Every structure is written in C-alpha cells, then in structure tokens.
Amino acid sequence: MAEYRDVYGGPFVCEFTEDVSREEYDNLRGLNPSTIVHRRKSALHAKHAYEQEWKDTPSKKIGRASHSLLLEPKTFFDNWCVWTGGRRYGKSWDEFRTWAGEKEIISQGELTEVQASVTSALKKPEVQELVKSGVAESVVQVEECGLQCKGRMDWIDTDSGTLCDPKFVNDIAAVPFGRSAAAFGYHIKMALYKHWFEKATGKQIKRVVLITIETSPPYDVAVVPLIELHLESGLSQGLALITQIAADIRNNSFPGVDGGDPVYALDLPMWALDEDVV
C-alpha cells in the first residue's frame, strides 16, 4: 500500500512526459489532484484517498472507454475488446479472458453506449477542432510546497497551448454541471495541471476547456471554457490544500472533519429551524 508520507521531501522530479501508461503513472511517487481535493473535507479523508486501494467500477470503465474512443480512436481496439457472450461466466468466458490478455473487456451494450456519446461529441465542430491535434494521457511531475506532485492530463496540445478534459456526465446543463464541477473540484484540478505543466516545461497554457458530454439520449454536448476567474481561484485553493497536506504529514496529524476538536458543531439548514425561534 502507498504510504502518504512518501510524497514528502526529495529528491524531486520535475518533468513532462508523453505516452505514459496508467500502470506506469500509478507507480510514480506523487500526490495527484484527485487526492488533493479531498483535503477540503479533512486531513483524514485526503490521507485515505491516497492510501486506499484503487477499485474499478462499471462507470469508471465506461469513462475510460469513452475517453479512449474520443481521444485515441485509432488505437482503441489495441486496448479494448468486446464480449458478446452474455453473462460473464463459464468456459467461454474464461477462454475469452485468456484470449484478451491485458486488454480491457467491454460488452457490446457498453460499447454501443460509448459509441453513441462519442459520435455525438464528434459531430460538434468545436470538439473536432480540440481533439484533432494533441497527445492523450501525458504526465507532469513537479515539486510543490515540499511535496512530490504528479498529474495525468487527458488531452493537451502543446503547440496551441490548449489543455482539454472530456467529462462524460448525466447532465451538462449549466447549473447541475456547475454544482458537480464544484463538488469534484474540476477548477482546482485543471488549474493545478496548467500550473504544473508551465512549471515543468516553461511553456504557456493559453486555454483550458472542458468537453461536457451526456451519457444518455439525446447525448447533448457543450464546450465549456474555464475562464481566468475559475483558474485563479482553483489554483489558489489547490496550493492552499497542498500547504495543508504538507503540514499534516510534517506533524503526523490527520484529524477528521472535527479538526481534532473535542466536539463538532451541528450545522442545520435554516429551513429545518422554527421561524419563531430563528
């Protein structure tokens, strides 16, 4: 199991690398943005996010397949194979798994779902323009606040200075997606990717974009730029969280949401309180 304290202190790696597999990336020492945003809840939750064993889920698999088909269509079937045999059990399934080797397995129904959303995305000229040139799944490693950090970016065009991240979600309307973006810390993650890439390469990222794609009919698609306000706020929050994590590790203290206090205040919403009392 990865030890949280291992990211603290040098020697540090500061570089940008293309064509890094998921396995290779997972084996690199470093704190990633997905862990960092958990520090918003507590030191304990951030530590747990880093040290817990990664578990795959059907939705994660569909997400990986969707990203692969959108960003690397020419090599999709080098990494994926389709199971058409129904339930996954018995001799046929065992033989198929052996034949598949290291390829990921997706059902025909899942592939149809992935193809529908990706096809819809690629009908949009703005999406075609974004993905026509660039590299998928590149990795950046930097030192930040005395911690080794790392990030794996979905898509980056270093020539145009464009950082792009597809999001396959249930609802891309402004308000619900905005809430999801805030909850998952998309602005923090993208701001850190931008900052780290510029720090490692000396090159500038001029545009940061989310491609939002619905995963069910009518498979609506929207290109959502992150403006300067989003990125400045995201970077400020991200660096503050990293500073907190560095202090947590240095002090070997990882309290939960109560911050180590003996009691924790109940925060009832106003609608739950009697108007006469309030």
C-alpha atoms as a PDB file:
ATOM      1  CA  MET A   1       0.000   0.000   0.000  1.00  0.00           C
ATOM      2  CA  ALA A   2       1.227   3.501  -0.832  1.00  0.00           C
ATOM      3  CA  GLU A   3       2.388   5.464   2.200  1.00  0.00           C
ATOM      4  CA  TYR A   4       1.136   9.042   2.414  1.00  0.00           C
ATOM      5  CA  ARG A   5       4.401  10.298   3.931  1.00  0.00           C
ATOM      6  CA  ASP A   6       6.364   9.053   0.902  1.00  0.00           C
ATOM      7  CA  VAL A   7       5.386  12.164  -1.093  1.00  0.00           C
ATOM      8  CA  TYR A   8       7.092  14.407   1.480  1.00  0.00           C
ATOM      9  CA  GLY A   9      10.627  15.587   0.732  1.00  0.00           C
ATOM     10  CA  GLY A  10      13.067  14.988  -2.118  1.00  0.00           C
ATOM     11  CA  PRO A  11      14.623  14.051  -4.333  1.00  0.00           C
ATOM     12  CA  PHE A  12      12.055  15.667  -6.597  1.00  0.00           C
ATOM     13  CA  VAL A  13      11.231  15.013 -10.247  1.00  0.00           C
ATOM     14  CA  CYS A  14      10.174  17.960 -12.407  1.00  0.00           C
ATOM     15  CA  GLU A  15       9.301  16.895 -15.945  1.00  0.00           C
ATOM     16  CA  PHE A  16       6.577  16.487 -18.560  1.00  0.00           C
ATOM     17  CA  THR A  17       6.316  13.072 -20.212  1.00  0.00           C
ATOM     18  CA  GLU A  18       4.141  11.843 -23.062  1.00  0.00           C
ATOM     19  CA  ASP A  19       2.796   8.333 -23.632  1.00  0.00           C
ATOM     20  CA  VAL A  20       2.701   7.082 -20.036  1.00  0.00           C
ATOM     21  CA  SER A  21       0.511   4.059 -19.302  1.00  0.00           C
ATOM     22  CA  ARG A  22      -1.904   4.008 -16.390  1.00  0.00           C
ATOM     23  CA  GLU A  23       0.180   1.379 -14.619  1.00  0.00           C
ATOM     24  CA  GLU A  24       3.366   3.397 -15.061  1.00  0.00           C
ATOM     25  CA  TYR A  25       1.652   6.528 -13.788  1.00  0.00           C
ATOM     26  CA  ASP A  26       0.207   4.768 -10.742  1.00  0.00           C
ATOM     27  CA  ASN A  27       3.693   3.579  -9.810  1.00  0.00           C
ATOM     28  CA  LEU A  28       5.150   7.102  -9.850  1.00  0.00           C
ATOM     29  CA  ARG A  29       5.667   8.758  -6.478  1.00  0.00           C
ATOM     30  CA  GLY A  30       3.471  11.799  -6.096  1.00  0.00           C
ATOM     31  CA  LEU A  31       0.342  13.471  -4.826  1.00  0.00           C
ATOM     32  CA  ASN A  32      -2.292  13.943  -7.509  1.00  0.00           C
ATOM     33  CA  PRO A  33      -5.140  16.477  -7.771  1.00  0.00           C
ATOM     34  CA  SER A  34      -7.800  13.827  -7.119  1.00  0.00           C
ATOM     35  CA  THR A  35      -6.252  13.256  -3.689  1.00  0.00           C
ATOM     36  CA  ILE A  36      -5.585  16.927  -3.049  1.00  0.00           C
ATOM     37  CA  VAL A  37      -9.239  17.976  -3.368  1.00  0.00           C
ATOM     38  CA  HIS A  38     -10.206  15.538  -0.594  1.00  0.00           C
ATOM     39  CA  ARG A  39      -8.328  17.815   1.823  1.00  0.00           C
ATOM     40  CA  ARG A  40     -11.281  20.211   1.529  1.00  0.00           C
ATOM     41  CA  LYS A  41     -13.187  17.779   3.762  1.00  0.00           C
ATOM     42  CA  SER A  42     -10.426  16.788   6.171  1.00  0.00           C
ATOM     43  CA  ALA A  43      -6.824  15.651   6.569  1.00  0.00           C
ATOM     44  CA  LEU A  44      -8.101  12.144   7.298  1.00  0.00           C
ATOM     45  CA  HIS A  45     -10.082  11.971   4.055  1.00  0.00           C
ATOM     46  CA  ALA A  46      -7.110  13.142   1.966  1.00  0.00           C
ATOM     47  CA  LYS A  47      -4.834  10.534   3.549  1.00  0.00           C
ATOM     48  CA  HIS A  48      -7.414   7.817   2.976  1.00  0.00           C
ATOM     49  CA  ALA A  49      -7.881   8.863  -0.655  1.00  0.00           C
ATOM     50  CA  TYR A  50      -4.136   8.485  -1.246  1.00  0.00           C
ATOM     51  CA  GLU A  51      -3.611   5.216   0.587  1.00  0.00           C
ATOM     52  CA  GLN A  52      -6.762   3.291  -0.298  1.00  0.00           C
ATOM     53  CA  GLU A  53      -6.520   0.544  -2.877  1.00  0.00           C
ATOM     54  CA  TRP A  54      -7.973   1.667  -6.195  1.00  0.00           C
ATOM     55  CA  LYS A  55     -11.176  -0.177  -7.088  1.00  0.00           C
ATOM     56  CA  ASP A  56     -12.652  -0.346 -10.550  1.00  0.00           C
ATOM     57  CA  THR A  57     -16.364   0.156 -11.188  1.00  0.00           C
ATOM     58  CA  PRO A  58     -18.581  -0.181 -14.288  1.00  0.00           C
ATOM     59  CA  SER A  59     -18.918   3.617 -14.513  1.00  0.00           C
ATOM     60  CA  LYS A  60     -15.138   4.105 -14.312  1.00  0.00           C
ATOM     61  CA  LYS A  61     -14.668   1.531 -17.056  1.00  0.00           C
ATOM     62  CA  ILE A  62     -17.235   3.235 -19.296  1.00  0.00           C
ATOM     63  CA  GLY A  63     -15.463   6.531 -18.652  1.00  0.00           C
ATOM     64  CA  ARG A  64     -12.079   5.101 -19.646  1.00  0.00           C
ATOM     65  CA  ALA A  65     -13.520   3.560 -22.783  1.00  0.00           C
ATOM     66  CA  SER A  66     -15.247   6.830 -23.728  1.00  0.00           C
ATOM     67  CA  HIS A  67     -12.044   8.826 -23.267  1.00  0.00           C
ATOM     68  CA  SER A  68     -10.088   6.274 -25.278  1.00  0.00           C
ATOM     69  CA  LEU A  69     -12.526   6.250 -28.189  1.00  0.00           C
ATOM     70  CA  LEU A  70     -12.782  10.047 -28.298  1.00  0.00           C
ATOM     71  CA  LEU A  71      -9.093  10.866 -27.918  1.00  0.00           C
ATOM     72  CA  GLU A  72      -7.315   7.805 -29.340  1.00  0.00           C
ATOM     73  CA  PRO A  73      -9.749   6.157 -31.782  1.00  0.00           C
ATOM     74  CA  LYS A  74      -7.020   4.616 -33.947  1.00  0.00           C
ATOM     75  CA  THR A  75      -5.692   2.530 -31.085  1.00  0.00           C
ATOM     76  CA  PHE A  76      -8.982   1.841 -29.294  1.00  0.00           C
ATOM     77  CA  PHE A  77      -9.147  -1.847 -30.209  1.00  0.00           C
ATOM     78  CA  ASP A  78      -5.483  -2.287 -29.334  1.00  0.00           C
ATOM     79  CA  ASN A  79      -6.527  -1.740 -25.735  1.00  0.00           C
ATOM     80  CA  TRP A  80     -10.160  -2.894 -25.677  1.00  0.00           C
ATOM     81  CA  CYS A  81     -12.021  -6.000 -26.786  1.00  0.00           C
ATOM     82  CA  VAL A  82     -15.757  -6.687 -26.955  1.00  0.00           C
ATOM     83  CA  TRP A  83     -17.508  -9.551 -25.151  1.00  0.00           C
ATOM     84  CA  THR A  84     -20.705 -10.628 -26.892  1.00  0.00           C
ATOM     85  CA  GLY A  85     -21.429 -13.816 -24.971  1.00  0.00           C
ATOM     86  CA  GLY A  86     -23.923 -12.562 -22.414  1.00  0.00           C
ATOM     87  CA  ARG A  87     -23.286 -13.419 -18.769  1.00  0.00           C
ATOM     88  CA  ARG A  88     -19.639 -13.449 -17.781  1.00  0.00           C
ATOM     89  CA  TYR A  89     -19.155 -16.975 -16.515  1.00  0.00           C
ATOM     90  CA  GLY A  90     -18.337 -20.479 -17.696  1.00  0.00           C
ATOM     91  CA  LYS A  91     -15.777 -21.937 -20.051  1.00  0.00           C
ATOM     92  CA  SER A  92     -16.412 -19.461 -22.893  1.00  0.00           C
ATOM     93  CA  TRP A  93     -15.881 -16.500 -20.587  1.00  0.00           C
ATOM     94  CA  ASP A  94     -12.705 -17.991 -19.118  1.00  0.00           C
ATOM     95  CA  GLU A  95     -11.320 -18.640 -22.600  1.00  0.00           C
ATOM     96  CA  PHE A  96     -12.211 -15.117 -23.706  1.00  0.00           C
ATOM     97  CA  ARG A  97     -10.459 -13.563 -20.713  1.00  0.00           C
ATOM     98  CA  THR A  98      -7.360 -15.588 -21.503  1.00  0.00           C
ATOM     99  CA  TRP A  99      -7.503 -14.505 -25.142  1.00  0.00           C
ATOM    100  CA  ALA A 100      -7.997 -10.839 -24.182  1.00  0.00           C
ATOM    101  CA  GLY A 101      -4.765 -10.803 -22.187  1.00  0.00           C
ATOM    102  CA  GLU A 102      -4.044  -7.282 -20.911  1.00  0.00           C
ATOM    103  CA  LYS A 103      -6.813  -5.681 -22.984  1.00  0.00           C
ATOM    104  CA  GLU A 104      -9.798  -4.285 -21.129  1.00  0.00           C
ATOM    105  CA  ILE A 105     -13.099  -6.018 -21.786  1.00  0.00           C
ATOM    106  CA  ILE A 106     -16.305  -4.211 -22.620  1.00  0.00           C
ATOM    107  CA  SER A 107     -19.708  -5.659 -23.514  1.00  0.00           C
ATOM    108  CA  GLN A 108     -21.427  -4.935 -26.796  1.00  0.00           C
ATOM    109  CA  GLY A 109     -24.091  -2.944 -24.964  1.00  0.00           C
ATOM    110  CA  GLU A 110     -21.476  -0.855 -23.188  1.00  0.00           C
ATOM    111  CA  LEU A 111     -19.610  -0.246 -26.436  1.00  0.00           C
ATOM    112  CA  THR A 112     -22.833   0.887 -28.130  1.00  0.00           C
ATOM    113  CA  GLU A 113     -23.380   3.385 -25.305  1.00  0.00           C
ATOM    114  CA  VAL A 114     -19.810   4.664 -25.590  1.00  0.00           C
ATOM    115  CA  GLN A 115     -20.005   4.979 -29.369  1.00  0.00           C
ATOM    116  CA  ALA A 116     -23.263   6.941 -29.163  1.00  0.00           C
ATOM    117  CA  SER A 117     -21.874   9.599 -26.818  1.00  0.00           C
ATOM    118  CA  VAL A 118     -18.540   9.896 -28.638  1.00  0.00           C
ATOM    119  CA  THR A 119     -20.238  10.105 -32.043  1.00  0.00           C
ATOM    120  CA  SER A 120     -22.436  12.898 -30.757  1.00  0.00           C
ATOM    121  CA  ALA A 121     -19.384  14.752 -29.426  1.00  0.00           C
ATOM    122  CA  LEU A 122     -17.526  14.500 -32.712  1.00  0.00           C
ATOM    123  CA  LYS A 123     -20.450  15.979 -34.632  1.00  0.00           C
ATOM    124  CA  LYS A 124     -19.656  19.274 -32.945  1.00  0.00           C
ATOM    125  CA  PRO A 125     -17.056  21.253 -34.967  1.00  0.00           C
ATOM    126  CA  GLU A 126     -15.584  22.778 -31.810  1.00  0.00           C
ATOM    127  CA  VAL A 127     -14.867  19.311 -30.403  1.00  0.00           C
ATOM    128  CA  GLN A 128     -13.323  18.168 -33.685  1.00  0.00           C
ATOM    129  CA  GLU A 129     -11.015  21.170 -33.571  1.00  0.00           C
ATOM    130  CA  LEU A 130      -9.990  20.496 -29.968  1.00  0.00           C
ATOM    131  CA  VAL A 131      -9.039  16.835 -30.477  1.00  0.00           C
ATOM    132  CA  LYS A 132      -7.546  16.950 -33.965  1.00  0.00           C
ATOM    133  CA  SER A 133      -4.071  17.713 -32.623  1.00  0.00           C
ATOM    134  CA  GLY A 134      -2.518  16.835 -29.275  1.00  0.00           C
ATOM    135  CA  VAL A 135      -1.488  13.979 -27.016  1.00  0.00           C
ATOM    136  CA  ALA A 136      -3.565  11.900 -24.627  1.00  0.00           C
ATOM    137  CA  GLU A 137      -2.694  10.837 -21.093  1.00  0.00           C
ATOM    138  CA  SER A 138       0.559  12.773 -20.692  1.00  0.00           C
ATOM    139  CA  VAL A 139       2.087  13.108 -17.249  1.00  0.00           C
ATOM    140  CA  VAL A 140       3.592  16.028 -15.361  1.00  0.00           C
ATOM    141  CA  GLN A 141       5.684  15.727 -12.187  1.00  0.00           C
ATOM    142  CA  VAL A 142       6.705  18.709 -10.034  1.00  0.00           C
ATOM    143  CA  GLU A 143       7.613  19.745  -6.506  1.00  0.00           C
ATOM    144  CA  GLU A 144       5.023  21.820  -4.694  1.00  0.00           C
ATOM    145  CA  CYS A 145       5.312  23.003  -1.084  1.00  0.00           C
ATOM    146  CA  GLY A 146       7.922  20.346  -0.360  1.00  0.00           C
ATOM    147  CA  LEU A 147       5.776  17.534  -1.744  1.00  0.00           C
ATOM    148  CA  GLN A 148       6.260  15.458  -4.888  1.00  0.00           C
ATOM    149  CA  CYS A 149       3.181  16.021  -7.033  1.00  0.00           C
ATOM    150  CA  LYS A 150       2.010  14.435 -10.254  1.00  0.00           C
ATOM    151  CA  GLY A 151      -0.872  14.673 -12.691  1.00  0.00           C
ATOM    152  CA  ARG A 152      -2.116  12.763 -15.729  1.00  0.00           C
ATOM    153  CA  MET A 153      -3.787  15.059 -18.236  1.00  0.00           C
ATOM    154  CA  ASP A 154      -6.454  13.720 -20.573  1.00  0.00           C
ATOM    155  CA  TRP A 155      -5.506  15.835 -23.591  1.00  0.00           C
ATOM    156  CA  ILE A 156      -3.013  18.583 -24.246  1.00  0.00           C
ATOM    157  CA  ASP A 157      -1.955  20.367 -27.411  1.00  0.00           C
ATOM    158  CA  THR A 158       1.430  21.860 -26.589  1.00  0.00           C
ATOM    159  CA  ASP A 159       1.588  23.726 -29.906  1.00  0.00           C
ATOM    160  CA  SER A 160      -1.592  25.738 -29.385  1.00  0.00           C
ATOM    161  CA  GLY A 161      -1.311  25.733 -25.583  1.00  0.00           C
ATOM    162  CA  THR A 162      -4.665  24.035 -25.065  1.00  0.00           C
ATOM    163  CA  LEU A 163      -5.491  21.813 -22.091  1.00  0.00           C
ATOM    164  CA  CYS A 164      -8.670  19.809 -22.562  1.00  0.00           C
ATOM    165  CA  ASP A 165     -10.624  17.387 -20.369  1.00  0.00           C
ATOM    166  CA  PRO A 166     -13.716  15.482 -21.583  1.00  0.00           C
ATOM    167  CA  LYS A 167     -16.395  14.901 -18.953  1.00  0.00           C
ATOM    168  CA  PHE A 168     -18.958  12.174 -19.642  1.00  0.00           C
ATOM    169  CA  VAL A 169     -21.827  13.001 -17.272  1.00  0.00           C
ATOM    170  CA  ASN A 170     -25.581  12.645 -16.772  1.00  0.00           C
ATOM    171  CA  ASP A 171     -26.479  16.325 -17.136  1.00  0.00           C
ATOM    172  CA  ILE A 172     -24.465  19.096 -18.794  1.00  0.00           C
ATOM    173  CA  ALA A 173     -26.901  21.961 -18.117  1.00  0.00           C
ATOM    174  CA  ALA A 174     -25.122  24.938 -16.554  1.00  0.00           C
ATOM    175  CA  VAL A 175     -26.495  24.756 -13.007  1.00  0.00           C
ATOM    176  CA  PRO A 176     -26.332  20.992 -12.334  1.00  0.00           C
ATOM    177  CA  PHE A 177     -22.989  20.593 -14.075  1.00  0.00           C
ATOM    178  CA  GLY A 178     -21.643  23.657 -12.286  1.00  0.00           C
ATOM    179  CA  ARG A 179     -22.578  22.064  -8.968  1.00  0.00           C
ATOM    180  CA  SER A 180     -20.865  18.818  -9.969  1.00  0.00           C
ATOM    181  CA  ALA A 181     -17.787  20.699 -11.167  1.00  0.00           C
ATOM    182  CA  ALA A 182     -17.536  22.466  -7.812  1.00  0.00           C
ATOM    183  CA  ALA A 183     -18.146  19.269  -5.832  1.00  0.00           C
ATOM    184  CA  PHE A 184     -15.441  17.346  -7.705  1.00  0.00           C
ATOM    185  CA  GLY A 185     -13.103  20.339  -7.797  1.00  0.00           C
ATOM    186  CA  TYR A 186     -12.675  20.414 -11.580  1.00  0.00           C
ATOM    187  CA  HIS A 187     -11.476  24.033 -11.461  1.00  0.00           C
ATOM    188  CA  ILE A 188      -8.865  23.090  -8.849  1.00  0.00           C
ATOM    189  CA  LYS A 189      -7.623  20.072 -10.780  1.00  0.00           C
ATOM    190  CA  MET A 190      -7.412  21.869 -14.126  1.00  0.00           C
ATOM    191  CA  ALA A 191      -5.683  24.879 -12.570  1.00  0.00           C
ATOM    192  CA  LEU A 192      -3.076  22.606 -10.985  1.00  0.00           C
ATOM    193  CA  TYR A 193      -2.478  20.763 -14.269  1.00  0.00           C
ATOM    194  CA  LYS A 194      -1.960  24.102 -16.000  1.00  0.00           C
ATOM    195  CA  HIS A 195       0.343  25.420 -13.275  1.00  0.00           C
ATOM    196  CA  TRP A 196       2.400  22.226 -13.118  1.00  0.00           C
ATOM    197  CA  PHE A 197       2.786  21.935 -16.890  1.00  0.00           C
ATOM    198  CA  GLU A 198       4.018  25.531 -17.096  1.00  0.00           C
ATOM    199  CA  LYS A 199       6.332  24.947 -14.136  1.00  0.00           C
ATOM    200  CA  ALA A 200       7.841  21.776 -15.634  1.00  0.00           C
ATOM    201  CA  THR A 201       8.193  22.973 -19.239  1.00  0.00           C
ATOM    202  CA  GLY A 202       8.364  26.769 -19.235  1.00  0.00           C
ATOM    203  CA  LYS A 203       5.619  26.718 -21.873  1.00  0.00           C
ATOM    204  CA  GLN A 204       2.314  28.514 -21.508  1.00  0.00           C
ATOM    205  CA  ILE A 205      -1.175  27.061 -21.425  1.00  0.00           C
ATOM    206  CA  LYS A 206      -3.390  29.637 -23.130  1.00  0.00           C
ATOM    207  CA  ARG A 207      -6.744  27.854 -22.970  1.00  0.00           C
ATOM    208  CA  VAL A 208      -8.340  25.349 -20.577  1.00  0.00           C
ATOM    209  CA  VAL A 209     -11.502  23.649 -21.763  1.00  0.00           C
ATOM    210  CA  LEU A 210     -13.946  21.012 -20.556  1.00  0.00           C
ATOM    211  CA  ILE A 211     -15.880  18.999 -23.140  1.00  0.00           C
ATOM    212  CA  THR A 212     -19.113  18.025 -21.408  1.00  0.00           C
ATOM    213  CA  ILE A 213     -20.901  15.039 -22.948  1.00  0.00           C
ATOM    214  CA  GLU A 214     -24.134  13.439 -21.788  1.00  0.00           C
ATOM    215  CA  THR A 215     -24.080   9.648 -21.480  1.00  0.00           C
ATOM    216  CA  SER A 216     -27.730   9.059 -22.398  1.00  0.00           C
ATOM    217  CA  PRO A 217     -30.047  10.272 -25.183  1.00  0.00           C
ATOM    218  CA  PRO A 218     -30.067  12.863 -26.638  1.00  0.00           C
ATOM    219  CA  TYR A 219     -26.286  12.847 -25.887  1.00  0.00           C
ATOM    220  CA  ASP A 220     -26.036  16.611 -25.656  1.00  0.00           C
ATOM    221  CA  VAL A 221     -22.555  18.140 -25.915  1.00  0.00           C
ATOM    222  CA  ALA A 222     -21.110  21.508 -24.870  1.00  0.00           C
ATOM    223  CA  VAL A 223     -17.630  23.015 -24.899  1.00  0.00           C
ATOM    224  CA  VAL A 224     -17.057  24.805 -21.590  1.00  0.00           C
ATOM    225  CA  PRO A 225     -14.005  27.096 -21.254  1.00  0.00           C
ATOM    226  CA  LEU A 226     -12.609  27.738 -17.787  1.00  0.00           C
ATOM    227  CA  ILE A 227     -12.150  31.480 -17.539  1.00  0.00           C
ATOM    228  CA  GLU A 228      -9.368  33.289 -15.671  1.00  0.00           C
ATOM    229  CA  LEU A 229     -11.529  33.668 -12.556  1.00  0.00           C
ATOM    230  CA  HIS A 230     -12.090  29.886 -12.381  1.00  0.00           C
ATOM    231  CA  LEU A 231      -8.404  29.101 -12.824  1.00  0.00           C
ATOM    232  CA  GLU A 232      -7.078  31.748 -10.434  1.00  0.00           C
ATOM    233  CA  SER A 233      -9.496  30.612  -7.740  1.00  0.00           C
ATOM    234  CA  GLY A 234      -8.759  26.959  -8.446  1.00  0.00           C
ATOM    235  CA  LEU A 235      -5.005  27.460  -8.220  1.00  0.00           C
ATOM    236  CA  SER A 236      -5.272  29.468  -5.012  1.00  0.00           C
ATOM    237  CA  GLN A 237      -7.410  26.761  -3.427  1.00  0.00           C
ATOM    238  CA  GLY A 238      -5.200  23.959  -4.744  1.00  0.00           C
ATOM    239  CA  LEU A 239      -1.975  25.467  -3.398  1.00  0.00           C
ATOM    240  CA  ALA A 240      -3.624  26.141  -0.035  1.00  0.00           C
ATOM    241  CA  LEU A 241      -4.720  22.493   0.163  1.00  0.00           C
ATOM    242  CA  ILE A 242      -1.218  21.274  -0.702  1.00  0.00           C
ATOM    243  CA  THR A 243       0.214  23.512   2.009  1.00  0.00           C
ATOM    244  CA  GLN A 244      -2.228  21.984   4.484  1.00  0.00           C
ATOM    245  CA  ILE A 245      -1.302  18.453   3.387  1.00  0.00           C
ATOM    246  CA  ALA A 246       2.398  19.214   3.807  1.00  0.00           C
ATOM    247  CA  ALA A 247       1.703  20.403   7.367  1.00  0.00           C
ATOM    248  CA  ASP A 248      -0.425  17.314   8.077  1.00  0.00           C
ATOM    249  CA  ILE A 249       2.396  14.987   7.029  1.00  0.00           C
ATOM    250  CA  ARG A 250       5.079  17.031   8.764  1.00  0.00           C
ATOM    251  CA  ASN A 251       3.101  16.988  12.022  1.00  0.00           C
ATOM    252  CA  ASN A 252       1.899  13.399  11.522  1.00  0.00           C
ATOM    253  CA  SER A 253      -1.603  14.595  12.348  1.00  0.00           C
ATOM    254  CA  PHE A 254      -4.651  13.592  10.304  1.00  0.00           C
ATOM    255  CA  PRO A 255      -7.876  14.585  12.063  1.00  0.00           C
ATOM    256  CA  GLY A 256     -11.278  14.135  10.502  1.00  0.00           C
ATOM    257  CA  VAL A 257     -13.936  16.774   9.930  1.00  0.00           C
ATOM    258  CA  ASP A 258     -13.860  17.867  13.577  1.00  0.00           C
ATOM    259  CA  GLY A 259     -10.263  19.069  13.126  1.00  0.00           C
ATOM    260  CA  GLY A 260      -9.272  17.259  16.297  1.00  0.00           C
ATOM    261  CA  ASP A 261     -11.630  19.340  18.465  1.00  0.00           C
ATOM    262  CA  PRO A 262     -13.460  17.538  21.296  1.00  0.00           C
ATOM    263  CA  VAL A 263     -16.889  18.427  19.868  1.00  0.00           C
ATOM    264  CA  TYR A 264     -18.234  19.151  16.391  1.00  0.00           C
ATOM    265  CA  ALA A 265     -20.971  21.730  15.774  1.00  0.00           C
ATOM    266  CA  LEU A 266     -24.198  20.656  14.108  1.00  0.00           C
ATOM    267  CA  ASP A 267     -24.947  22.835  11.067  1.00  0.00           C
ATOM    268  CA  LEU A 268     -28.681  22.632  10.484  1.00  0.00           C
ATOM    269  CA  PRO A 269     -30.065  24.396   7.384  1.00  0.00           C
ATOM    270  CA  MET A 270     -32.291  27.388   8.056  1.00  0.00           C
ATOM    271  CA  TRP A 271     -35.363  25.657   6.625  1.00  0.00           C
ATOM    272  CA  ALA A 272     -35.122  22.991   9.354  1.00  0.00           C
ATOM    273  CA  LEU A 273     -35.483  25.574  12.137  1.00  0.00           C
ATOM    274  CA  ASP A 274     -38.656  27.087  13.561  1.00  0.00           C
ATOM    275  CA  GLU A 275     -39.134  30.588  12.143  1.00  0.00           C
ATOM    276  CA  ASP A 276     -40.295  31.920  15.517  1.00  0.00           C
ATOM    277  CA  VAL A 277     -37.142  30.703  17.208  1.00  0.00           C
ATOM    278  CA  VAL A 278     -34.831  31.998  14.470  1.00  0.00           C
END
